[in-house]
Amino acid sequence: MEKQAPDGWKFNKNKIRYVLIEALCLVIVGEIISLLAGGTFSWDITIATAVEVVLLAILAFISVKNPYAAIMSALVIFVLISILSAALKPVYLGGSIIIKIFILIYLVRAIPDARELQATRRKDAADN
């Protein structure tokens, strides 16, 4: 599961998958918090969140083969659906803004790891 990098640093080949699954769970928690804080239910936001959750789950599976593309796609999808949700119902944004900021930072911080993992995978494939 863990592989030793040339500089002695160990990394987990499934790290990006775990990041995406954790982001997926946080999106669901953010939706619940928004529902509780907003007081009203919106099918538009719930459907957008469901689409986001499904896309993040698909990207978590893709991340095994292509971690960099998966994390970048997840970041773009998260930002676009967050903007869409804020445009549809601004009240929902207030309930989960802290979680959305945390998810954004979490995804951005995973980019260098994904890039390094992608490079290592390509190097290993070229060596074999």
C-alpha atoms as a PDB file:
ATOM      1  CA  MET A   1       0.000   0.000   0.000  1.00  0.00           C
ATOM      2  CA  GLU A   2       2.723   2.483   0.896  1.00  0.00           C
ATOM      3  CA  LYS A   3       5.666   3.048  -1.363  1.00  0.00           C
ATOM      4  CA  GLN A   4       9.035   4.521  -0.527  1.00  0.00           C
ATOM      5  CA  ALA A   5       9.842   7.588  -2.599  1.00  0.00           C
ATOM      6  CA  PRO A   6      13.469   8.289  -3.582  1.00  0.00           C
ATOM      7  CA  ASP A   7      13.899  10.956  -0.905  1.00  0.00           C
ATOM      8  CA  GLY A   8      12.691   8.602   1.852  1.00  0.00           C
ATOM      9  CA  TRP A   9       9.187  10.072   2.072  1.00  0.00           C
ATOM     10  CA  LYS A  10       6.389   7.499   2.172  1.00  0.00           C
ATOM     11  CA  PHE A  11       3.103   8.077   0.396  1.00  0.00           C
ATOM     12  CA  ASN A  12      -0.094   6.151   0.131  1.00  0.00           C
ATOM     13  CA  LYS A  13      -1.172   5.294  -3.412  1.00  0.00           C
ATOM     14  CA  ASN A  14      -4.829   5.681  -2.385  1.00  0.00           C
ATOM     15  CA  LYS A  15      -4.418   9.094  -0.739  1.00  0.00           C
ATOM     16  CA  ILE A  16      -6.271  10.995  -3.465  1.00  0.00           C
ATOM     17  CA  ARG A  17      -9.107   8.471  -3.352  1.00  0.00           C
ATOM     18  CA  TYR A  18      -9.399   9.020   0.395  1.00  0.00           C
ATOM     19  CA  VAL A  19      -9.353  12.806  -0.077  1.00  0.00           C
ATOM     20  CA  LEU A  20     -12.203  12.585  -2.588  1.00  0.00           C
ATOM     21  CA  ILE A  21     -14.263  10.260  -0.399  1.00  0.00           C
ATOM     22  CA  GLU A  22     -13.760  12.547   2.604  1.00  0.00           C
ATOM     23  CA  ALA A  23     -14.744  15.568   0.496  1.00  0.00           C
ATOM     24  CA  LEU A  24     -17.843  13.657  -0.622  1.00  0.00           C
ATOM     25  CA  CYS A  25     -18.793  13.013   3.014  1.00  0.00           C
ATOM     26  CA  LEU A  26     -18.196  16.666   3.903  1.00  0.00           C
ATOM     27  CA  VAL A  27     -20.440  17.770   1.032  1.00  0.00           C
ATOM     28  CA  ILE A  28     -23.223  15.634   2.496  1.00  0.00           C
ATOM     29  CA  VAL A  29     -22.612  17.079   5.980  1.00  0.00           C
ATOM     30  CA  GLY A  30     -22.642  20.596   4.496  1.00  0.00           C
ATOM     31  CA  GLU A  31     -25.975  19.880   2.832  1.00  0.00           C
ATOM     32  CA  ILE A  32     -27.450  18.687   6.121  1.00  0.00           C
ATOM     33  CA  ILE A  33     -26.158  21.770   7.931  1.00  0.00           C
ATOM     34  CA  SER A  34     -27.573  24.013   5.192  1.00  0.00           C
ATOM     35  CA  LEU A  35     -30.960  22.340   5.476  1.00  0.00           C
ATOM     36  CA  LEU A  36     -30.992  22.779   9.237  1.00  0.00           C
ATOM     37  CA  ALA A  37     -29.774  26.389   9.103  1.00  0.00           C
ATOM     38  CA  GLY A  38     -31.991  27.440   6.196  1.00  0.00           C
ATOM     39  CA  GLY A  39     -35.211  26.033   7.553  1.00  0.00           C
ATOM     40  CA  THR A  40     -36.627  25.439   4.072  1.00  0.00           C
ATOM     41  CA  PHE A  41     -36.118  22.556   1.684  1.00  0.00           C
ATOM     42  CA  SER A  42     -35.052  23.102  -1.922  1.00  0.00           C
ATOM     43  CA  TRP A  43     -35.183  20.318  -4.494  1.00  0.00           C
ATOM     44  CA  ASP A  44     -32.861  22.273  -6.796  1.00  0.00           C
ATOM     45  CA  ILE A  45     -30.061  22.366  -4.246  1.00  0.00           C
ATOM     46  CA  THR A  46     -30.640  18.769  -3.171  1.00  0.00           C
ATOM     47  CA  ILE A  47     -30.443  17.549  -6.778  1.00  0.00           C
ATOM     48  CA  ALA A  48     -27.286  19.620  -7.405  1.00  0.00           C
ATOM     49  CA  THR A  49     -25.723  18.146  -4.260  1.00  0.00           C
ATOM     50  CA  ALA A  50     -26.714  14.622  -5.276  1.00  0.00           C
ATOM     51  CA  VAL A  51     -25.091  15.148  -8.686  1.00  0.00           C
ATOM     52  CA  GLU A  52     -21.977  16.468  -6.962  1.00  0.00           C
ATOM     53  CA  VAL A  53     -21.831  13.437  -4.638  1.00  0.00           C
ATOM     54  CA  VAL A  54     -22.197  11.004  -7.557  1.00  0.00           C
ATOM     55  CA  LEU A  55     -19.506  12.796  -9.572  1.00  0.00           C
ATOM     56  CA  LEU A  56     -17.104  12.817  -6.612  1.00  0.00           C
ATOM     57  CA  ALA A  57     -17.713   9.089  -6.113  1.00  0.00           C
ATOM     58  CA  ILE A  58     -16.931   8.433  -9.785  1.00  0.00           C
ATOM     59  CA  LEU A  59     -13.783  10.545  -9.526  1.00  0.00           C
ATOM     60  CA  ALA A  60     -12.726   8.596  -6.428  1.00  0.00           C
ATOM     61  CA  PHE A  61     -12.727   5.424  -8.547  1.00  0.00           C
ATOM     62  CA  ILE A  62     -10.914   7.174 -11.412  1.00  0.00           C
ATOM     63  CA  SER A  63      -8.260   8.489  -9.033  1.00  0.00           C
ATOM     64  CA  VAL A  64      -6.660   5.041  -8.825  1.00  0.00           C
ATOM     65  CA  LYS A  65      -5.495   5.318 -12.447  1.00  0.00           C
ATOM     66  CA  ASN A  66      -5.311   9.081 -12.880  1.00  0.00           C
ATOM     67  CA  PRO A  67      -5.069  10.942  -9.550  1.00  0.00           C
ATOM     68  CA  TYR A  68      -4.125  14.379 -10.867  1.00  0.00           C
ATOM     69  CA  ALA A  69      -6.993  14.599 -13.356  1.00  0.00           C
ATOM     70  CA  ALA A  70      -9.411  13.291 -10.730  1.00  0.00           C
ATOM     71  CA  ILE A  71      -8.466  15.874  -8.074  1.00  0.00           C
ATOM     72  CA  MET A  72      -8.499  18.743 -10.582  1.00  0.00           C
ATOM     73  CA  SER A  73     -11.887  17.648 -11.917  1.00  0.00           C
ATOM     74  CA  ALA A  74     -13.228  17.367  -8.377  1.00  0.00           C
ATOM     75  CA  LEU A  75     -12.025  20.878  -7.614  1.00  0.00           C
ATOM     76  CA  VAL A  76     -13.722  22.318 -10.708  1.00  0.00           C
ATOM     77  CA  ILE A  77     -16.956  20.407 -10.047  1.00  0.00           C
ATOM     78  CA  PHE A  78     -17.006  21.501  -6.407  1.00  0.00           C
ATOM     79  CA  VAL A  79     -16.506  25.175  -7.274  1.00  0.00           C
ATOM     80  CA  LEU A  80     -19.092  25.127 -10.079  1.00  0.00           C
ATOM     81  CA  ILE A  81     -21.769  23.415  -8.020  1.00  0.00           C
ATOM     82  CA  SER A  82     -21.048  25.692  -5.042  1.00  0.00           C
ATOM     83  CA  ILE A  83     -21.542  28.731  -7.280  1.00  0.00           C
ATOM     84  CA  LEU A  84     -24.706  27.191  -8.735  1.00  0.00           C
ATOM     85  CA  SER A  85     -26.069  26.458  -5.253  1.00  0.00           C
ATOM     86  CA  ALA A  86     -25.307  29.989  -4.088  1.00  0.00           C
ATOM     87  CA  ALA A  87     -27.045  31.423  -7.140  1.00  0.00           C
ATOM     88  CA  LEU A  88     -30.115  29.231  -6.698  1.00  0.00           C
ATOM     89  CA  LYS A  89     -30.552  29.742  -2.979  1.00  0.00           C
ATOM     90  CA  PRO A  90     -28.131  32.123  -1.207  1.00  0.00           C
ATOM     91  CA  VAL A  91     -29.605  31.223   2.200  1.00  0.00           C
ATOM     92  CA  TYR A  92     -28.180  27.696   1.886  1.00  0.00           C
ATOM     93  CA  LEU A  93     -24.656  29.038   1.501  1.00  0.00           C
ATOM     94  CA  GLY A  94     -24.710  30.658   4.935  1.00  0.00           C
ATOM     95  CA  GLY A  95     -25.274  27.383   6.732  1.00  0.00           C
ATOM     96  CA  SER A  96     -22.328  25.565   5.220  1.00  0.00           C
ATOM     97  CA  ILE A  97     -19.825  28.237   4.212  1.00  0.00           C
ATOM     98  CA  ILE A  98     -17.197  27.041   6.699  1.00  0.00           C
ATOM     99  CA  ILE A  99     -17.460  23.449   5.455  1.00  0.00           C
ATOM    100  CA  LYS A 100     -17.276  24.610   1.823  1.00  0.00           C
ATOM    101  CA  ILE A 101     -14.122  26.607   2.561  1.00  0.00           C
ATOM    102  CA  PHE A 102     -12.633  23.602   4.362  1.00  0.00           C
ATOM    103  CA  ILE A 103     -13.410  21.306   1.396  1.00  0.00           C
ATOM    104  CA  LEU A 104     -11.891  23.815  -1.022  1.00  0.00           C
ATOM    105  CA  ILE A 105      -8.683  24.057   0.998  1.00  0.00           C
ATOM    106  CA  TYR A 106      -8.600  20.270   1.421  1.00  0.00           C
ATOM    107  CA  LEU A 107      -8.870  19.683  -2.334  1.00  0.00           C
ATOM    108  CA  VAL A 108      -6.296  22.349  -3.193  1.00  0.00           C
ATOM    109  CA  ARG A 109      -3.799  20.933  -0.687  1.00  0.00           C
ATOM    110  CA  ALA A 110      -4.117  17.502  -2.325  1.00  0.00           C
ATOM    111  CA  ILE A 111      -3.020  18.780  -5.755  1.00  0.00           C
ATOM    112  CA  PRO A 112       0.766  18.461  -5.174  1.00  0.00           C
ATOM    113  CA  ASP A 113       0.332  14.933  -3.810  1.00  0.00           C
ATOM    114  CA  ALA A 114      -1.764  13.986  -6.831  1.00  0.00           C
ATOM    115  CA  ARG A 115       0.826  15.444  -9.188  1.00  0.00           C
ATOM    116  CA  GLU A 116       3.628  13.523  -7.480  1.00  0.00           C
ATOM    117  CA  LEU A 117       1.626  10.303  -7.394  1.00  0.00           C
ATOM    118  CA  GLN A 118       0.804  10.694 -11.093  1.00  0.00           C
ATOM    119  CA  ALA A 119       4.488  11.205 -11.926  1.00  0.00           C
ATOM    120  CA  THR A 120       5.463   8.167  -9.848  1.00  0.00           C
ATOM    121  CA  ARG A 121       2.849   6.019 -11.590  1.00  0.00           C
ATOM    122  CA  ARG A 122       4.114   7.114 -15.008  1.00  0.00           C
ATOM    123  CA  LYS A 123       7.709   6.415 -13.982  1.00  0.00           C
ATOM    124  CA  ASP A 124       6.775   2.960 -12.667  1.00  0.00           C
ATOM    125  CA  ALA A 125       4.880   2.199 -15.888  1.00  0.00           C
ATOM    126  CA  ALA A 126       7.861   3.298 -17.972  1.00  0.00           C
ATOM    127  CA  ASP A 127      10.242   1.127 -15.904  1.00  0.00           C
ATOM    128  CA  ASN A 128       8.102  -1.968 -16.441  1.00  0.00           C
END
